[in-house]
């Protein structure tokens, strides 16, 4: 039996996830989210919004997963590890935005 490749999700990765999985909204949309914590069965993500302004503005060039200007706030969601692994992984969010998003959530994770 061939080995199944394991998906490696890392803190700082940009994942494209459906709102039905994140609970971010009732909309039938997918949105980019930054991974802020990874557990055995749960992944905590910070969803990105293009309509609500947050303290960390991010340009389109900050990730291949972005299609419009947007921002991150303290908003975060828990998703199952399997849902996170099924999402599209666009790699690490570009600096300095990665550090700013993670710092925004650092106090909440302690």
N, C-alpha and C. Protein backbone atom coordinates (compact mmCIF):
# COMPACT_ATOMS: atom_id res chain seq x y z
N UNK A 1 0.85 -1.18 0.00
CA UNK A 1 0.00 0.00 0.00
C UNK A 1 0.89 1.24 0.00
N UNK A 2 0.67 2.18 -0.94
CA UNK A 2 1.49 3.39 -0.98
C UNK A 2 1.22 4.28 0.23
N UNK A 3 2.25 4.98 0.65
CA UNK A 3 2.11 5.90 1.77
C UNK A 3 1.30 7.11 1.34
N UNK A 4 0.45 7.58 2.23
CA UNK A 4 -0.36 8.77 1.97
C UNK A 4 0.43 9.97 2.47
N UNK A 5 0.58 10.96 1.62
CA UNK A 5 1.31 12.17 2.02
C UNK A 5 0.53 12.92 3.09
N UNK A 6 1.21 13.31 4.14
CA UNK A 6 0.59 14.05 5.22
C UNK A 6 0.65 15.55 4.91
N UNK A 7 -0.44 16.23 5.17
CA UNK A 7 -0.49 17.68 4.96
C UNK A 7 0.13 18.35 6.18
N UNK A 8 1.07 19.23 5.95
CA UNK A 8 1.75 19.91 7.05
C UNK A 8 1.25 21.36 7.11
N UNK A 9 0.45 21.64 8.11
CA UNK A 9 -0.06 22.99 8.32
C UNK A 9 0.82 23.63 9.39
N UNK A 10 1.25 24.86 9.14
CA UNK A 10 2.12 25.54 10.10
C UNK A 10 1.52 26.89 10.50
N UNK A 11 1.85 27.32 11.70
CA UNK A 11 1.46 28.64 12.16
C UNK A 11 2.01 29.67 11.17
N UNK A 12 1.14 30.59 10.73
CA UNK A 12 1.53 31.61 9.76
C UNK A 12 1.12 31.28 8.34
N UNK A 13 0.67 30.04 8.10
CA UNK A 13 0.19 29.66 6.76
C UNK A 13 -1.12 30.37 6.45
N UNK A 14 -1.34 30.66 5.18
CA UNK A 14 -2.62 31.19 4.70
C UNK A 14 -3.38 30.02 4.09
N UNK A 15 -4.55 29.72 4.66
CA UNK A 15 -5.41 28.67 4.14
C UNK A 15 -6.67 29.31 3.57
N UNK A 16 -7.16 28.80 2.47
CA UNK A 16 -8.46 29.23 1.96
C UNK A 16 -9.48 28.22 2.47
N UNK A 17 -10.41 28.70 3.31
CA UNK A 17 -11.40 27.84 3.96
C UNK A 17 -12.81 28.37 3.72
N UNK A 18 -13.77 27.46 3.68
CA UNK A 18 -15.18 27.85 3.49
C UNK A 18 -15.75 28.34 4.81
N UNK A 19 -16.59 29.36 4.74
CA UNK A 19 -17.22 29.90 5.95
C UNK A 19 -18.06 28.86 6.69
N UNK A 20 -18.56 27.87 5.98
CA UNK A 20 -19.32 26.80 6.64
C UNK A 20 -18.41 26.02 7.60
N UNK A 21 -17.14 25.91 7.27
CA UNK A 21 -16.20 25.20 8.14
C UNK A 21 -15.70 26.07 9.29
N UNK A 22 -15.51 27.36 9.03
CA UNK A 22 -14.97 28.24 10.07
C UNK A 22 -16.06 28.84 10.96
N UNK A 23 -17.28 28.93 10.43
CA UNK A 23 -18.34 29.61 11.16
C UNK A 23 -18.16 31.12 11.13
N UNK A 24 -17.30 31.61 10.24
CA UNK A 24 -17.01 33.04 10.16
C UNK A 24 -18.24 33.85 9.77
N UNK A 25 -19.08 33.30 8.93
CA UNK A 25 -20.32 33.98 8.55
C UNK A 25 -21.28 32.95 7.97
N UNK A 26 -22.48 33.41 7.67
CA UNK A 26 -23.48 32.55 7.03
C UNK A 26 -23.35 32.56 5.51
N UNK A 27 -22.38 33.31 5.00
CA UNK A 27 -22.18 33.43 3.55
C UNK A 27 -21.66 32.12 2.97
N UNK A 28 -21.98 31.89 1.71
CA UNK A 28 -21.49 30.73 0.99
C UNK A 28 -20.21 31.14 0.24
N UNK A 29 -19.14 31.40 1.01
CA UNK A 29 -17.89 31.89 0.43
C UNK A 29 -16.70 31.17 1.05
N UNK A 30 -15.59 31.23 0.33
CA UNK A 30 -14.31 30.82 0.91
C UNK A 30 -13.52 32.09 1.15
N UNK A 31 -12.72 32.07 2.21
CA UNK A 31 -11.93 33.26 2.52
C UNK A 31 -10.57 32.82 3.04
N UNK A 32 -9.56 33.65 2.83
CA UNK A 32 -8.24 33.34 3.37
C UNK A 32 -8.23 33.51 4.89
N UNK A 33 -7.53 32.61 5.54
CA UNK A 33 -7.38 32.63 6.99
C UNK A 33 -5.92 32.33 7.31
N UNK A 34 -5.40 32.97 8.34
CA UNK A 34 -4.03 32.69 8.79
C UNK A 34 -4.10 31.74 9.97
N UNK A 35 -3.28 30.71 9.94
CA UNK A 35 -3.20 29.75 11.04
C UNK A 35 -2.48 30.41 12.20
N UNK A 36 -3.14 30.43 13.37
CA UNK A 36 -2.50 31.02 14.55
C UNK A 36 -2.18 29.99 15.63
N UNK A 37 -2.74 28.78 15.50
CA UNK A 37 -2.41 27.69 16.42
C UNK A 37 -2.81 26.37 15.78
N UNK A 38 -2.02 25.33 16.06
CA UNK A 38 -2.29 24.00 15.52
C UNK A 38 -2.29 23.01 16.66
N UNK A 39 -3.39 22.27 16.79
CA UNK A 39 -3.49 21.22 17.78
C UNK A 39 -3.68 19.87 17.10
N UNK A 40 -3.81 18.83 17.89
CA UNK A 40 -3.96 17.49 17.34
C UNK A 40 -5.24 17.33 16.53
N UNK A 41 -6.32 17.97 16.99
CA UNK A 41 -7.61 17.82 16.29
C UNK A 41 -8.23 19.14 15.86
N UNK A 42 -7.70 20.26 16.38
CA UNK A 42 -8.26 21.58 16.10
C UNK A 42 -7.16 22.51 15.58
N UNK A 43 -7.55 23.37 14.63
CA UNK A 43 -6.66 24.42 14.13
C UNK A 43 -7.38 25.75 14.37
N UNK A 44 -6.68 26.71 14.95
CA UNK A 44 -7.26 28.03 15.19
C UNK A 44 -6.77 28.96 14.09
N UNK A 45 -7.72 29.63 13.43
CA UNK A 45 -7.38 30.51 12.31
C UNK A 45 -7.95 31.91 12.54
N UNK A 46 -7.30 32.87 11.91
CA UNK A 46 -7.78 34.25 11.90
C UNK A 46 -8.29 34.54 10.50
N UNK A 47 -9.62 34.64 10.33
CA UNK A 47 -10.17 34.93 9.00
C UNK A 47 -9.85 36.36 8.56
N UNK A 48 -9.68 36.54 7.28
CA UNK A 48 -9.40 37.86 6.70
C UNK A 48 -10.69 38.42 6.13
N UNK A 49 -10.90 39.70 6.31
CA UNK A 49 -12.09 40.36 5.78
C UNK A 49 -11.71 41.44 4.79
N UNK A 50 -12.51 41.56 3.73
CA UNK A 50 -12.32 42.66 2.79
C UNK A 50 -13.33 43.77 3.06
N UNK A 51 -14.32 43.52 3.90
CA UNK A 51 -15.36 44.52 4.17
C UNK A 51 -15.26 45.16 5.55
N UNK A 52 -14.65 44.47 6.51
CA UNK A 52 -14.50 45.00 7.86
C UNK A 52 -13.04 45.36 8.08
N UNK A 53 -12.78 46.60 8.47
CA UNK A 53 -11.41 47.06 8.68
C UNK A 53 -10.90 46.59 10.04
N UNK A 54 -9.71 46.01 10.04
CA UNK A 54 -9.07 45.56 11.26
C UNK A 54 -7.72 46.23 11.42
N UNK A 55 -7.03 45.98 12.52
CA UNK A 55 -5.77 46.66 12.79
C UNK A 55 -4.59 46.21 11.92
N UNK A 56 -4.72 45.06 11.24
CA UNK A 56 -3.63 44.60 10.38
C UNK A 56 -4.11 44.58 8.93
N UNK A 57 -3.87 45.68 8.22
CA UNK A 57 -4.23 45.76 6.80
C UNK A 57 -3.23 44.95 6.00
N UNK A 58 -3.73 44.23 5.00
CA UNK A 58 -2.86 43.38 4.18
C UNK A 58 -3.15 43.61 2.70
N UNK A 59 -2.10 43.89 1.94
CA UNK A 59 -2.28 44.09 0.50
C UNK A 59 -2.44 42.75 -0.22
N UNK A 60 -2.91 42.81 -1.42
CA UNK A 60 -3.08 41.61 -2.24
C UNK A 60 -1.76 40.85 -2.38
N UNK A 61 -0.66 41.57 -2.49
CA UNK A 61 0.65 40.96 -2.72
C UNK A 61 1.18 40.16 -1.52
N UNK A 62 0.52 40.22 -0.36
CA UNK A 62 1.01 39.54 0.83
C UNK A 62 0.81 38.03 0.79
N UNK A 63 -0.06 37.54 -0.11
CA UNK A 63 -0.30 36.10 -0.25
C UNK A 63 -0.95 35.80 -1.59
N UNK A 64 -0.63 34.65 -2.13
CA UNK A 64 -1.29 34.21 -3.37
C UNK A 64 -2.77 33.89 -3.12
N UNK A 65 -3.15 33.77 -1.86
CA UNK A 65 -4.55 33.50 -1.51
C UNK A 65 -5.42 34.73 -1.46
N UNK A 66 -4.83 35.92 -1.62
CA UNK A 66 -5.59 37.16 -1.54
C UNK A 66 -5.97 37.64 -2.94
N UNK A 67 -7.23 38.08 -3.09
CA UNK A 67 -7.70 38.60 -4.37
C UNK A 67 -8.11 40.06 -4.28
N UNK A 68 -8.10 40.62 -3.06
CA UNK A 68 -8.47 42.03 -2.85
C UNK A 68 -7.79 42.53 -1.59
N UNK A 69 -7.72 43.85 -1.44
CA UNK A 69 -7.19 44.43 -0.21
C UNK A 69 -8.08 43.98 0.94
N UNK A 70 -7.50 43.77 2.11
CA UNK A 70 -8.30 43.33 3.25
C UNK A 70 -7.53 43.54 4.54
N UNK A 71 -8.08 43.00 5.63
CA UNK A 71 -7.40 43.15 6.91
C UNK A 71 -7.79 42.03 7.87
N UNK A 72 -6.99 41.93 8.92
CA UNK A 72 -7.22 40.97 10.00
C UNK A 72 -7.53 41.74 11.27
N UNK A 73 -8.40 41.16 12.08
CA UNK A 73 -8.71 41.73 13.39
C UNK A 73 -8.47 40.64 14.43
N UNK A 74 -8.97 40.82 15.63
CA UNK A 74 -8.81 39.81 16.68
C UNK A 74 -9.76 38.62 16.49
N UNK A 75 -10.55 38.68 15.46
CA UNK A 75 -11.50 37.63 15.13
C UNK A 75 -10.75 36.33 14.87
N UNK A 76 -11.17 35.24 15.50
CA UNK A 76 -10.56 33.95 15.28
C UNK A 76 -11.61 32.85 15.35
N UNK A 77 -11.31 31.75 14.69
CA UNK A 77 -12.25 30.63 14.61
C UNK A 77 -11.50 29.32 14.80
N UNK A 78 -12.20 28.36 15.35
CA UNK A 78 -11.66 27.00 15.47
C UNK A 78 -12.23 26.17 14.32
N UNK A 79 -11.37 25.41 13.69
CA UNK A 79 -11.82 24.48 12.64
C UNK A 79 -11.21 23.12 12.93
N UNK A 80 -11.86 22.10 12.45
CA UNK A 80 -11.31 20.76 12.63
C UNK A 80 -10.01 20.64 11.85
N UNK A 81 -9.15 19.81 12.32
CA UNK A 81 -7.86 19.60 11.63
C UNK A 81 -8.12 19.09 10.22
N UNK A 82 -9.12 18.21 10.06
CA UNK A 82 -9.40 17.66 8.73
C UNK A 82 -9.90 18.75 7.77
N UNK A 83 -10.72 19.70 8.26
CA UNK A 83 -11.19 20.80 7.41
C UNK A 83 -10.01 21.70 7.02
N UNK A 84 -9.12 21.97 7.96
CA UNK A 84 -7.95 22.80 7.65
C UNK A 84 -7.06 22.11 6.62
N UNK A 85 -6.85 20.83 6.77
CA UNK A 85 -6.01 20.09 5.83
C UNK A 85 -6.65 20.00 4.45
N UNK A 86 -7.98 20.09 4.38
CA UNK A 86 -8.67 20.03 3.09
C UNK A 86 -8.65 21.38 2.38
N UNK A 87 -8.35 22.45 3.10
CA UNK A 87 -8.29 23.78 2.51
C UNK A 87 -7.06 23.94 1.63
N UNK A 88 -7.05 24.98 0.83
CA UNK A 88 -5.90 25.26 -0.02
C UNK A 88 -4.87 26.02 0.80
N UNK A 89 -3.64 25.49 0.85
CA UNK A 89 -2.56 26.12 1.61
C UNK A 89 -1.73 26.96 0.66
N UNK A 90 -1.70 28.27 0.92
CA UNK A 90 -0.96 29.22 0.09
C UNK A 90 0.42 29.53 0.65
N UNK A 91 0.85 28.79 1.65
CA UNK A 91 2.16 29.03 2.26
C UNK A 91 2.09 30.15 3.28
N UNK A 92 3.25 30.59 3.71
CA UNK A 92 3.35 31.59 4.77
C UNK A 92 2.91 32.98 4.31
N UNK A 93 2.20 33.68 5.19
CA UNK A 93 1.84 35.08 4.95
C UNK A 93 3.14 35.88 4.95
N UNK A 94 3.27 36.80 4.01
CA UNK A 94 4.49 37.61 3.89
C UNK A 94 4.71 38.47 5.13
N UNK A 95 5.97 38.70 5.43
CA UNK A 95 6.34 39.64 6.50
C UNK A 95 6.21 41.06 5.97
N UNK A 96 5.89 42.01 6.79
CA UNK A 96 5.76 41.96 8.24
C UNK A 96 4.36 41.58 8.71
N UNK A 97 3.46 41.25 7.77
CA UNK A 97 2.06 40.98 8.10
C UNK A 97 1.90 39.73 8.97
N UNK A 98 2.70 38.71 8.68
CA UNK A 98 2.64 37.47 9.47
C UNK A 98 2.89 37.78 10.94
N UNK A 99 3.97 38.48 11.23
CA UNK A 99 4.31 38.82 12.62
C UNK A 99 3.22 39.67 13.26
N UNK A 100 2.65 40.60 12.53
CA UNK A 100 1.60 41.48 13.07
C UNK A 100 0.33 40.70 13.40
N UNK A 101 -0.07 39.78 12.52
CA UNK A 101 -1.28 38.99 12.78
C UNK A 101 -1.06 38.08 13.98
N UNK A 102 0.08 37.43 14.05
CA UNK A 102 0.36 36.53 15.18
C UNK A 102 0.45 37.31 16.49
N UNK A 103 1.04 38.51 16.47
CA UNK A 103 1.13 39.33 17.68
C UNK A 103 -0.25 39.76 18.15
N UNK A 104 -1.14 40.00 17.22
CA UNK A 104 -2.50 40.41 17.56
C UNK A 104 -3.21 39.34 18.38
N UNK A 105 -2.87 38.09 18.13
CA UNK A 105 -3.53 36.97 18.80
C UNK A 105 -2.70 36.36 19.93
N UNK A 106 -1.48 36.80 20.12
CA UNK A 106 -0.59 36.19 21.11
C UNK A 106 -1.17 36.20 22.51
N UNK A 107 -1.74 37.30 22.95
CA UNK A 107 -2.29 37.37 24.31
C UNK A 107 -3.47 36.43 24.49
N UNK A 108 -4.29 36.28 23.46
CA UNK A 108 -5.48 35.46 23.57
C UNK A 108 -5.16 33.96 23.69
N UNK A 109 -4.00 33.55 23.19
CA UNK A 109 -3.66 32.14 23.20
C UNK A 109 -2.99 31.68 24.48
N UNK A 110 -2.61 32.59 25.35
CA UNK A 110 -1.93 32.22 26.58
C UNK A 110 -2.88 31.71 27.62
